Amino acid sequence: MAKQTKAERIAAHMAAGLSAVDAEIAIVREDADAKLKGLRQRAAREAKAQREKALSYIETAHQAVFAEAMAAAAAGQKAAPAEQAEEPQSQPVEAVEPDPDAQRWGQ
């Protein structure tokens, strides 16, 4: 499907029952959502590239630390499913009584 112009998109929203102003607001929101989605994806790509560069630096500059971290990560991945099965259920939170001597806000 070919990309619609802004006027065509507004007309489509108006045909669906929106007023002209509401249709234009909907179009602006759709455009903003698309822009934000693109920016979030770009930020994620940049963060991934930065992380890969950092790992590469650590691997070359601190080989012993990197090897130890890799071994710990491998051991942690193997132990994680067993640890999750043994985790106790969360306990309910105790209610805290208000301090009667505390100053009340606004007094």
PDB file of N, CA and C in Angstrom:
ATOM      1  N   MET A   1       0.843  -1.176   0.000  1.00  0.00           N
ATOM      2  CA  MET A   1       0.000   0.000   0.000  1.00  0.00           C
ATOM      3  C   MET A   1       0.888   1.239   0.000  1.00  0.00           C
ATOM      4  N   ALA A   2       0.507   2.204  -0.822  1.00  0.00           N
ATOM      5  CA  ALA A   2       1.279   3.439  -0.934  1.00  0.00           C
ATOM      6  C   ALA A   2       1.073   4.291   0.309  1.00  0.00           C
ATOM      7  N   LYS A   3       2.089   5.071   0.613  1.00  0.00           N
ATOM      8  CA  LYS A   3       2.024   5.944   1.777  1.00  0.00           C
ATOM      9  C   LYS A   3       1.002   7.051   1.517  1.00  0.00           C
ATOM     10  N   GLN A   4       0.135   7.275   2.511  1.00  0.00           N
ATOM     11  CA  GLN A   4      -0.898   8.293   2.364  1.00  0.00           C
ATOM     12  C   GLN A   4      -0.355   9.662   2.754  1.00  0.00           C
ATOM     13  N   THR A   5      -0.914  10.681   2.144  1.00  0.00           N
ATOM     14  CA  THR A   5      -0.550  12.036   2.534  1.00  0.00           C
ATOM     15  C   THR A   5      -1.263  12.368   3.838  1.00  0.00           C
ATOM     16  N   LYS A   6      -0.847  13.455   4.457  1.00  0.00           N
ATOM     17  CA  LYS A   6      -1.471  13.877   5.715  1.00  0.00           C
ATOM     18  C   LYS A   6      -2.957  14.167   5.490  1.00  0.00           C
ATOM     19  N   ALA A   7      -3.282  14.812   4.392  1.00  0.00           N
ATOM     20  CA  ALA A   7      -4.680  15.136   4.092  1.00  0.00           C
ATOM     21  C   ALA A   7      -5.513  13.865   3.917  1.00  0.00           C
ATOM     22  N   GLU A   8      -4.938  12.864   3.262  1.00  0.00           N
ATOM     23  CA  GLU A   8      -5.654  11.594   3.079  1.00  0.00           C
ATOM     24  C   GLU A   8      -5.858  10.885   4.404  1.00  0.00           C
ATOM     25  N   ARG A   9      -4.852  10.956   5.275  1.00  0.00           N
ATOM     26  CA  ARG A   9      -4.976  10.320   6.587  1.00  0.00           C
ATOM     27  C   ARG A   9      -6.041  11.014   7.432  1.00  0.00           C
ATOM     28  N   ILE A  10      -6.080  12.351   7.371  1.00  0.00           N
ATOM     29  CA  ILE A  10      -7.102  13.098   8.104  1.00  0.00           C
ATOM     30  C   ILE A  10      -8.484  12.754   7.565  1.00  0.00           C
ATOM     31  N   ALA A  11      -8.612  12.687   6.241  1.00  0.00           N
ATOM     32  CA  ALA A  11      -9.896  12.346   5.627  1.00  0.00           C
ATOM     33  C   ALA A  11     -10.355  10.960   6.054  1.00  0.00           C
ATOM     34  N   ALA A  12      -9.431  10.027   6.163  1.00  0.00           N
ATOM     35  CA  ALA A  12      -9.784   8.672   6.592  1.00  0.00           C
ATOM     36  C   ALA A  12     -10.288   8.670   8.033  1.00  0.00           C
ATOM     37  N   HIS A  13      -9.647   9.449   8.887  1.00  0.00           N
ATOM     38  CA  HIS A  13     -10.109   9.541  10.280  1.00  0.00           C
ATOM     39  C   HIS A  13     -11.471  10.226  10.360  1.00  0.00           C
ATOM     40  N   MET A  14     -11.673  11.250   9.529  1.00  0.00           N
ATOM     41  CA  MET A  14     -12.965  11.936   9.524  1.00  0.00           C
ATOM     42  C   MET A  14     -14.062  11.011   9.005  1.00  0.00           C
ATOM     43  N   ALA A  15     -13.735  10.164   8.031  1.00  0.00           N
ATOM     44  CA  ALA A  15     -14.712   9.202   7.517  1.00  0.00           C
ATOM     45  C   ALA A  15     -15.079   8.181   8.585  1.00  0.00           C
ATOM     46  N   ALA A  16     -14.165   7.958   9.541  1.00  0.00           N
ATOM     47  CA  ALA A  16     -14.432   7.020  10.626  1.00  0.00           C
ATOM     48  C   ALA A  16     -15.229   7.669  11.757  1.00  0.00           C
ATOM     49  N   GLY A  17     -15.537   8.984  11.600  1.00  0.00           N
ATOM     50  CA  GLY A  17     -16.399   9.627  12.574  1.00  0.00           C
ATOM     51  C   GLY A  17     -15.747  10.682  13.447  1.00  0.00           C
ATOM     52  N   LEU A  18     -14.478  10.977  13.248  1.00  0.00           N
ATOM     53  CA  LEU A  18     -13.820  12.010  14.046  1.00  0.00           C
ATOM     54  C   LEU A  18     -14.046  13.386  13.430  1.00  0.00           C
ATOM     55  N   SER A  19     -14.019  14.402  14.282  1.00  0.00           N
ATOM     56  CA  SER A  19     -14.090  15.769  13.768  1.00  0.00           C
ATOM     57  C   SER A  19     -12.748  16.089  13.113  1.00  0.00           C
ATOM     58  N   ALA A  20     -12.688  17.205  12.405  1.00  0.00           N
ATOM     59  CA  ALA A  20     -11.452  17.593  11.717  1.00  0.00           C
ATOM     60  C   ALA A  20     -10.320  17.803  12.730  1.00  0.00           C
ATOM     61  N   VAL A  21     -10.624  18.452  13.839  1.00  0.00           N
ATOM     62  CA  VAL A  21      -9.599  18.712  14.852  1.00  0.00           C
ATOM     63  C   VAL A  21      -9.142  17.402  15.497  1.00  0.00           C
ATOM     64  N   ASP A  22     -10.094  16.545  15.857  1.00  0.00           N
ATOM     65  CA  ASP A  22      -9.738  15.257  16.469  1.00  0.00           C
ATOM     66  C   ASP A  22      -8.944  14.381  15.502  1.00  0.00           C
ATOM     67  N   ALA A  23      -9.276  14.443  14.221  1.00  0.00           N
ATOM     68  CA  ALA A  23      -8.546  13.673  13.211  1.00  0.00           C
ATOM     69  C   ALA A  23      -7.116  14.176  13.105  1.00  0.00           C
ATOM     70  N   GLU A  24      -6.950  15.503  13.119  1.00  0.00           N
ATOM     71  CA  GLU A  24      -5.600  16.060  13.031  1.00  0.00           C
ATOM     72  C   GLU A  24      -4.786  15.718  14.285  1.00  0.00           C
ATOM     73  N   ILE A  25      -5.435  15.759  15.451  1.00  0.00           N
ATOM     74  CA  ILE A  25      -4.761  15.369  16.698  1.00  0.00           C
ATOM     75  C   ILE A  25      -4.322  13.906  16.623  1.00  0.00           C
ATOM     76  N   ALA A  26      -5.181  13.052  16.104  1.00  0.00           N
ATOM     77  CA  ALA A  26      -4.844  11.629  15.975  1.00  0.00           C
ATOM     78  C   ALA A  26      -3.636  11.442  15.055  1.00  0.00           C
ATOM     79  N   ILE A  27      -3.587  12.198  13.970  1.00  0.00           N
ATOM     80  CA  ILE A  27      -2.471  12.103  13.025  1.00  0.00           C
ATOM     81  C   ILE A  27      -1.175  12.547  13.686  1.00  0.00           C
ATOM     82  N   VAL A  28      -1.217  13.650  14.434  1.00  0.00           N
ATOM     83  CA  VAL A  28      -0.019  14.151  15.117  1.00  0.00           C
ATOM     84  C   VAL A  28       0.465  13.117  16.133  1.00  0.00           C
ATOM     85  N   ARG A  29      -0.458  12.501  16.861  1.00  0.00           N
ATOM     86  CA  ARG A  29      -0.076  11.469  17.832  1.00  0.00           C
ATOM     87  C   ARG A  29       0.547  10.257  17.139  1.00  0.00           C
ATOM     88  N   GLU A  30      -0.041   9.839  16.024  1.00  0.00           N
ATOM     89  CA  GLU A  30       0.516   8.698  15.283  1.00  0.00           C
ATOM     90  C   GLU A  30       1.931   9.006  14.814  1.00  0.00           C
ATOM     91  N   ASP A  31       2.125  10.222  14.286  1.00  0.00           N
ATOM     92  CA  ASP A  31       3.455  10.615  13.809  1.00  0.00           C
ATOM     93  C   ASP A  31       4.458  10.664  14.958  1.00  0.00           C
ATOM     94  N   ALA A  32       4.030  11.221  16.098  1.00  0.00           N
ATOM     95  CA  ALA A  32       4.911  11.307  17.262  1.00  0.00           C
ATOM     96  C   ALA A  32       5.267   9.909  17.778  1.00  0.00           C
ATOM     97  N   ASP A  33       4.280   9.006  17.813  1.00  0.00           N
ATOM     98  CA  ASP A  33       4.545   7.634  18.253  1.00  0.00           C
ATOM     99  C   ASP A  33       5.548   6.943  17.339  1.00  0.00           C
ATOM    100  N   ALA A  34       5.401   7.148  16.033  1.00  0.00           N
ATOM    101  CA  ALA A  34       6.342   6.546  15.081  1.00  0.00           C
ATOM    102  C   ALA A  34       7.742   7.115  15.266  1.00  0.00           C
ATOM    103  N   LYS A  35       7.830   8.423  15.492  1.00  0.00           N
ATOM    104  CA  LYS A  35       9.130   9.060  15.705  1.00  0.00           C
ATOM    105  C   LYS A  35       9.776   8.530  16.982  1.00  0.00           C
ATOM    106  N   LEU A  36       9.003   8.435  18.065  1.00  0.00           N
ATOM    107  CA  LEU A  36       9.522   7.912  19.332  1.00  0.00           C
ATOM    108  C   LEU A  36       9.981   6.460  19.192  1.00  0.00           C
ATOM    109  N   LYS A  37       9.227   5.672  18.460  1.00  0.00           N
ATOM    110  CA  LYS A  37       9.610   4.272  18.240  1.00  0.00           C
ATOM    111  C   LYS A  37      10.957   4.199  17.538  1.00  0.00           C
ATOM    112  N   GLY A  38      11.130   5.017  16.511  1.00  0.00           N
ATOM    113  CA  GLY A  38      12.399   5.046  15.787  1.00  0.00           C
ATOM    114  C   GLY A  38      13.552   5.494  16.666  1.00  0.00           C
ATOM    115  N   LEU A  39      13.312   6.519  17.504  1.00  0.00           N
ATOM    116  CA  LEU A  39      14.362   7.002  18.400  1.00  0.00           C
ATOM    117  C   LEU A  39      14.735   5.958  19.443  1.00  0.00           C
ATOM    118  N   ARG A  40      13.740   5.245  19.967  1.00  0.00           N
ATOM    119  CA  ARG A  40      14.020   4.184  20.948  1.00  0.00           C
ATOM    120  C   ARG A  40      14.834   3.052  20.315  1.00  0.00           C
ATOM    121  N   GLN A  41      14.481   2.695  19.088  1.00  0.00           N
ATOM    122  CA  GLN A  41      15.236   1.651  18.395  1.00  0.00           C
ATOM    123  C   GLN A  41      16.666   2.097  18.141  1.00  0.00           C
ATOM    124  N   ARG A  42      16.835   3.352  17.756  1.00  0.00           N
ATOM    125  CA  ARG A  42      18.181   3.892  17.523  1.00  0.00           C
ATOM    126  C   ARG A  42      18.995   3.903  18.815  1.00  0.00           C
ATOM    127  N   ALA A  43      18.364   4.317  19.908  1.00  0.00           N
ATOM    128  CA  ALA A  43      19.051   4.336  21.206  1.00  0.00           C
ATOM    129  C   ALA A  43      19.450   2.922  21.621  1.00  0.00           C
ATOM    130  N   ALA A  44      18.595   1.945  21.370  1.00  0.00           N
ATOM    131  CA  ALA A  44      18.905   0.557  21.709  1.00  0.00           C
ATOM    132  C   ALA A  44      20.080   0.047  20.877  1.00  0.00           C
ATOM    133  N   ARG A  45      20.099   0.384  19.583  1.00  0.00           N
ATOM    134  CA  ARG A  45      21.217  -0.023  18.726  1.00  0.00           C
ATOM    135  C   ARG A  45      22.524   0.605  19.195  1.00  0.00           C
ATOM    136  N   GLU A  46      22.464   1.906  19.540  1.00  0.00           N
ATOM    137  CA  GLU A  46      23.666   2.598  19.996  1.00  0.00           C
ATOM    138  C   GLU A  46      24.162   2.031  21.325  1.00  0.00           C
ATOM    139  N   ALA A  47      23.238   1.710  22.229  1.00  0.00           N
ATOM    140  CA  ALA A  47      23.624   1.132  23.523  1.00  0.00           C
ATOM    141  C   ALA A  47      24.250  -0.245  23.331  1.00  0.00           C
ATOM    142  N   LYS A  48      23.698  -1.018  22.402  1.00  0.00           N
ATOM    143  CA  LYS A  48      24.252  -2.350  22.127  1.00  0.00           C
ATOM    144  C   LYS A  48      25.664  -2.223  21.560  1.00  0.00           C
ATOM    145  N   ALA A  49      25.866  -1.289  20.647  1.00  0.00           N
ATOM    146  CA  ALA A  49      27.196  -1.092  20.052  1.00  0.00           C
ATOM    147  C   ALA A  49      28.186  -0.629  21.111  1.00  0.00           C
ATOM    148  N   GLN A  50      27.766   0.267  21.984  1.00  0.00           N
ATOM    149  CA  GLN A  50      28.639   0.754  23.053  1.00  0.00           C
ATOM    150  C   GLN A  50      28.996  -0.387  24.002  1.00  0.00           C
ATOM    151  N   ARG A  51      28.026  -1.223  24.328  1.00  0.00           N
ATOM    152  CA  ARG A  51      28.282  -2.367  25.212  1.00  0.00           C
ATOM    153  C   ARG A  51      29.274  -3.334  24.568  1.00  0.00           C
ATOM    154  N   GLU A  52      29.117  -3.577  23.273  1.00  0.00           N
ATOM    155  CA  GLU A  52      30.039  -4.469  22.574  1.00  0.00           C
ATOM    156  C   GLU A  52      31.458  -3.903  22.567  1.00  0.00           C
ATOM    157  N   LYS A  53      31.575  -2.577  22.392  1.00  0.00           N
ATOM    158  CA  LYS A  53      32.896  -1.945  22.433  1.00  0.00           C
ATOM    159  C   LYS A  53      33.506  -2.062  23.824  1.00  0.00           C
ATOM    160  N   ALA A  54      32.693  -1.862  24.857  1.00  0.00           N
ATOM    161  CA  ALA A  54      33.185  -1.954  26.235  1.00  0.00           C
ATOM    162  C   ALA A  54      33.643  -3.379  26.536  1.00  0.00           C
ATOM    163  N   LEU A  55      32.860  -4.361  26.118  1.00  0.00           N
ATOM    164  CA  LEU A  55      33.251  -5.761  26.341  1.00  0.00           C
ATOM    165  C   LEU A  55      34.533  -6.099  25.587  1.00  0.00           C
ATOM    166  N   SER A  56      34.665  -5.585  24.381  1.00  0.00           N
ATOM    167  CA  SER A  56      35.874  -5.827  23.610  1.00  0.00           C
ATOM    168  C   SER A  56      37.084  -5.216  24.303  1.00  0.00           C
ATOM    169  N   TYR A  57      36.930  -4.002  24.831  1.00  0.00           N
ATOM    170  CA  TYR A  57      38.022  -3.355  25.556  1.00  0.00           C
ATOM    171  C   TYR A  57      38.396  -4.163  26.798  1.00  0.00           C
ATOM    172  N   ILE A  58      37.389  -4.571  27.562  1.00  0.00           N
ATOM    173  CA  ILE A  58      37.667  -5.348  28.783  1.00  0.00           C
ATOM    174  C   ILE A  58      38.340  -6.668  28.429  1.00  0.00           C
ATOM    175  N   GLU A  59      37.882  -7.281  27.356  1.00  0.00           N
ATOM    176  CA  GLU A  59      38.459  -8.562  26.941  1.00  0.00           C
ATOM    177  C   GLU A  59      39.940  -8.417  26.597  1.00  0.00           C
ATOM    178  N   THR A  60      40.325  -7.317  25.955  1.00  0.00           N
ATOM    179  CA  THR A  60      41.726  -7.147  25.571  1.00  0.00           C
ATOM    180  C   THR A  60      42.572  -6.551  26.686  1.00  0.00           C
ATOM    181  N   ALA A  61      42.042  -5.597  27.436  1.00  0.00           N
ATOM    182  CA  ALA A  61      42.831  -4.905  28.448  1.00  0.00           C
ATOM    183  C   ALA A  61      42.879  -5.653  29.784  1.00  0.00           C
ATOM    184  N   HIS A  62      41.849  -6.409  30.076  1.00  0.00           N
ATOM    185  CA  HIS A  62      41.752  -7.101  31.368  1.00  0.00           C
ATOM    186  C   HIS A  62      41.326  -8.550  31.127  1.00  0.00           C
ATOM    187  N   GLN A  63      42.222  -9.306  30.515  1.00  0.00           N
ATOM    188  CA  GLN A  63      41.889 -10.662  30.093  1.00  0.00           C
ATOM    189  C   GLN A  63      41.493 -11.562  31.265  1.00  0.00           C
ATOM    190  N   ALA A  64      42.185 -11.452  32.390  1.00  0.00           N
ATOM    191  CA  ALA A  64      41.883 -12.314  33.531  1.00  0.00           C
ATOM    192  C   ALA A  64      40.499 -12.005  34.097  1.00  0.00           C
ATOM    193  N   VAL A  65      40.182 -10.728  34.207  1.00  0.00           N
ATOM    194  CA  VAL A  65      38.866 -10.327  34.724  1.00  0.00           C
ATOM    195  C   VAL A  65      37.770 -10.793  33.770  1.00  0.00           C
ATOM    196  N   PHE A  66      38.011 -10.634  32.463  1.00  0.00           N
ATOM    197  CA  PHE A  66      37.020 -11.050  31.477  1.00  0.00           C
ATOM    198  C   PHE A  66      36.785 -12.556  31.543  1.00  0.00           C
ATOM    199  N   ALA A  67      37.868 -13.322  31.652  1.00  0.00           N
ATOM    200  CA  ALA A  67      37.739 -14.782  31.723  1.00  0.00           C
ATOM    201  C   ALA A  67      36.961 -15.184  32.978  1.00  0.00           C
ATOM    202  N   GLU A  68      37.253 -14.517  34.087  1.00  0.00           N
ATOM    203  CA  GLU A  68      36.539 -14.820  35.334  1.00  0.00           C
ATOM    204  C   GLU A  68      35.051 -14.478  35.206  1.00  0.00           C
ATOM    205  N   ALA A  69      34.750 -13.344  34.602  1.00  0.00           N
ATOM    206  CA  ALA A  69      33.357 -12.934  34.421  1.00  0.00           C
ATOM    207  C   ALA A  69      32.609 -13.890  33.499  1.00  0.00           C
ATOM    208  N   MET A  70      33.276 -14.342  32.440  1.00  0.00           N
ATOM    209  CA  MET A  70      32.641 -15.296  31.523  1.00  0.00           C
ATOM    210  C   MET A  70      32.357 -16.621  32.222  1.00  0.00           C
ATOM    211  N   ALA A  71      33.308 -17.077  33.047  1.00  0.00           N
ATOM    212  CA  ALA A  71      33.106 -18.321  33.777  1.00  0.00           C
ATOM    213  C   ALA A  71      31.955 -18.177  34.768  1.00  0.00           C
ATOM    214  N   ALA A  72      31.900 -17.041  35.460  1.00  0.00           N
ATOM    215  CA  ALA A  72      30.818 -16.808  36.419  1.00  0.00           C
ATOM    216  C   ALA A  72      29.469 -16.730  35.713  1.00  0.00           C
ATOM    217  N   ALA A  73      29.451 -16.091  34.546  1.00  0.00           N
ATOM    218  CA  ALA A  73      28.205 -15.993  33.788  1.00  0.00           C
ATOM    219  C   ALA A  73      27.743 -17.365  33.322  1.00  0.00           C
ATOM    220  N   ALA A  74      28.674 -18.187  32.857  1.00  0.00           N
ATOM    221  CA  ALA A  74      28.313 -19.531  32.406  1.00  0.00           C
ATOM    222  C   ALA A  74      27.796 -20.362  33.576  1.00  0.00           C
ATOM    223  N   ALA A  75      28.437 -20.257  34.725  1.00  0.00           N
ATOM    224  CA  ALA A  75      27.993 -21.001  35.907  1.00  0.00           C
ATOM    225  C   ALA A  75      26.646 -20.479  36.384  1.00  0.00           C
ATOM    226  N   GLY A  76      26.459 -19.170  36.297  1.00  0.00           N
ATOM    227  CA  GLY A  76      25.196 -18.564  36.723  1.00  0.00           C
ATOM    228  C   GLY A  76      24.041 -18.964  35.846  1.00  0.00           C
ATOM    229  N   GLN A  77      24.285 -19.111  34.565  1.00  0.00           N
ATOM    230  CA  GLN A  77      23.218 -19.514  33.653  1.00  0.00           C
ATOM    231  C   GLN A  77      22.788 -20.944  33.917  1.00  0.00           C
ATOM    232  N   LYS A  78      23.715 -21.784  34.292  1.00  0.00           N
ATOM    233  CA  LYS A  78      23.382 -23.170  34.577  1.00  0.00           C
ATOM    234  C   LYS A  78      22.653 -23.297  35.906  1.00  0.00           C
ATOM    235  N   ALA A  79      23.001 -22.428  36.883  1.00  0.00           N
ATOM    236  CA  ALA A  79      22.420 -22.520  38.209  1.00  0.00           C
ATOM    237  C   ALA A  79      21.096 -21.771  38.316  1.00  0.00           C
ATOM    238  N   ALA A  80      20.826 -20.867  37.427  1.00  0.00           N
ATOM    239  CA  ALA A  80      19.644 -20.033  37.543  1.00  0.00           C
ATOM    240  C   ALA A  80      18.334 -20.819  37.598  1.00  0.00           C
ATOM    241  N   PRO A  81      18.081 -21.792  36.709  1.00  0.00           N
ATOM    242  CA  PRO A  81      16.805 -22.503  36.793  1.00  0.00           C
ATOM    243  C   PRO A  81      16.629 -23.237  38.125  1.00  0.00           C
ATOM    244  N   ALA A  82      17.687 -23.805  38.654  1.00  0.00           N
ATOM    245  CA  ALA A  82      17.583 -24.520  39.928  1.00  0.00           C
ATOM    246  C   ALA A  82      17.312 -23.540  41.062  1.00  0.00           C
ATOM    247  N   GLU A  83      17.955 -22.381  41.035  1.00  0.00           N
ATOM    248  CA  GLU A  83      17.741 -21.383  42.081  1.00  0.00           C
ATOM    249  C   GLU A  83      16.326 -20.837  42.030  1.00  0.00           C
ATOM    250  N   GLN A  84      15.785 -20.652  40.864  1.00  0.00           N
ATOM    251  CA  GLN A  84      14.435 -20.115  40.745  1.00  0.00           C
ATOM    252  C   GLN A  84      13.416 -21.081  41.338  1.00  0.00           C
ATOM    253  N   ALA A  85      13.632 -22.377  41.184  1.00  0.00           N
ATOM    254  CA  ALA A  85      12.700 -23.353  41.717  1.00  0.00           C
ATOM    255  C   ALA A  85      12.739 -23.374  43.239  1.00  0.00           C
ATOM    256  N   GLU A  86      13.888 -23.046  43.832  1.00  0.00           N
ATOM    257  CA  GLU A  86      14.040 -23.098  45.277  1.00  0.00           C
ATOM    258  C   GLU A  86      13.678 -21.790  45.969  1.00  0.00           C
ATOM    259  N   GLU A  87      13.404 -20.724  45.230  1.00  0.00           N
ATOM    260  CA  GLU A  87      13.109 -19.435  45.847  1.00  0.00           C
ATOM    261  C   GLU A  87      11.811 -19.524  46.626  1.00  0.00           C
ATOM    262  N   PRO A  88      11.805 -19.019  47.876  1.00  0.00           N
ATOM    263  CA  PRO A  88      10.575 -19.033  48.660  1.00  0.00           C
ATOM    264  C   PRO A  88       9.590 -17.992  48.127  1.00  0.00           C
ATOM    265  N   GLN A  89       8.338 -18.196  48.438  1.00  0.00           N
ATOM    266  CA  GLN A  89       7.329 -17.229  48.042  1.00  0.00           C
ATOM    267  C   GLN A  89       7.557 -15.943  48.819  1.00  0.00           C
ATOM    268  N   SER A  90       7.197 -14.818  48.234  1.00  0.00           N
ATOM    269  CA  SER A  90       7.412 -13.543  48.915  1.00  0.00           C
ATOM    270  C   SER A  90       6.505 -13.457  50.136  1.00  0.00           C
ATOM    271  N   GLN A  91       7.018 -12.833  51.170  1.00  0.00           N
ATOM    272  CA  GLN A  91       6.288 -12.684  52.415  1.00  0.00           C
ATOM    273  C   GLN A  91       5.456 -11.405  52.363  1.00  0.00           C
ATOM    274  N   PRO A  92       4.291 -11.396  53.033  1.00  0.00           N
ATOM    275  CA  PRO A  92       3.497 -10.168  53.045  1.00  0.00           C
ATOM    276  C   PRO A  92       4.225  -9.072  53.810  1.00  0.00           C
ATOM    277  N   VAL A  93       3.981  -7.852  53.420  1.00  0.00           N
ATOM    278  CA  VAL A  93       4.615  -6.702  54.043  1.00  0.00           C
ATOM    279  C   VAL A  93       3.844  -6.341  55.304  1.00  0.00           C
ATOM    280  N   GLU A  94       4.589  -6.078  56.389  1.00  0.00           N
ATOM    281  CA  GLU A  94       3.960  -5.702  57.643  1.00  0.00           C
ATOM    282  C   GLU A  94       3.435  -4.281  57.556  1.00  0.00           C
ATOM    283  N   ALA A  95       2.257  -4.058  58.125  1.00  0.00           N
ATOM    284  CA  ALA A  95       1.708  -2.710  58.161  1.00  0.00           C
ATOM    285  C   ALA A  95       2.477  -1.878  59.177  1.00  0.00           C
ATOM    286  N   VAL A  96       2.695  -0.637  58.875  1.00  0.00           N
ATOM    287  CA  VAL A  96       3.415   0.262  59.774  1.00  0.00           C
ATOM    288  C   VAL A  96       2.419   1.263  60.325  1.00  0.00           C
ATOM    289  N   GLU A  97       2.353   1.354  61.625  1.00  0.00           N
ATOM    290  CA  GLU A  97       1.449   2.300  62.267  1.00  0.00           C
ATOM    291  C   GLU A  97       2.052   3.698  62.189  1.00  0.00           C
ATOM    292  N   PRO A  98       1.231   4.719  61.961  1.00  0.00           N
ATOM    293  CA  PRO A  98       1.760   6.074  61.931  1.00  0.00           C
ATOM    294  C   PRO A  98       2.217   6.505  63.322  1.00  0.00           C
ATOM    295  N   ASP A  99       3.248   7.338  63.356  1.00  0.00           N
ATOM    296  CA  ASP A  99       3.789   7.841  64.610  1.00  0.00           C
ATOM    297  C   ASP A  99       2.873   8.946  65.126  1.00  0.00           C
ATOM    298  N   PRO A 100       2.242   8.761  66.299  1.00  0.00           N
ATOM    299  CA  PRO A 100       1.304   9.779  66.789  1.00  0.00           C
ATOM    300  C   PRO A 100       2.008  11.071  67.186  1.00  0.00           C
ATOM    301  N   ASP A 101       3.308  11.007  67.464  1.00  0.00           N
ATOM    302  CA  ASP A 101       4.060  12.196  67.862  1.00  0.00           C
ATOM    303  C   ASP A 101       4.555  13.008  66.668  1.00  0.00           C
ATOM    304  N   ALA A 102       4.452  12.449  65.491  1.00  0.00           N
ATOM    305  CA  ALA A 102       4.959  13.145  64.304  1.00  0.00           C
ATOM    306  C   ALA A 102       4.087  14.352  63.996  1.00  0.00           C
ATOM    307  N   GLN A 103       4.722  15.426  63.529  1.00  0.00           N
ATOM    308  CA  GLN A 103       3.982  16.627  63.165  1.00  0.00           C
ATOM    309  C   GLN A 103       3.182  16.365  61.910  1.00  0.00           C
ATOM    310  N   ARG A 104       1.974  16.830  61.890  1.00  0.00           N
ATOM    311  CA  ARG A 104       1.151  16.679  60.693  1.00  0.00           C
ATOM    312  C   ARG A 104       1.512  17.787  59.707  1.00  0.00           C
ATOM    313  N   TRP A 105       1.421  17.453  58.453  1.00  0.00           N
ATOM    314  CA  TRP A 105       1.745  18.421  57.414  1.00  0.00           C
ATOM    315  C   TRP A 105       0.737  19.562  57.457  1.00  0.00           C
ATOM    316  N   GLY A 106       1.216  20.772  57.399  1.00  0.00           N
ATOM    317  CA  GLY A 106       0.344  21.934  57.353  1.00  0.00           C
ATOM    318  C   GLY A 106      -0.055  22.463  58.716  1.00  0.00           C
ATOM    319  N   GLN A 107       0.461  21.896  59.801  1.00  0.00           N
ATOM    320  CA  GLN A 107       0.089  22.401  61.125  1.00  0.00           C
ATOM    321  C   GLN A 107       1.239  23.115  61.774  1.00  0.00           C
TER     322      GLN A 107
END
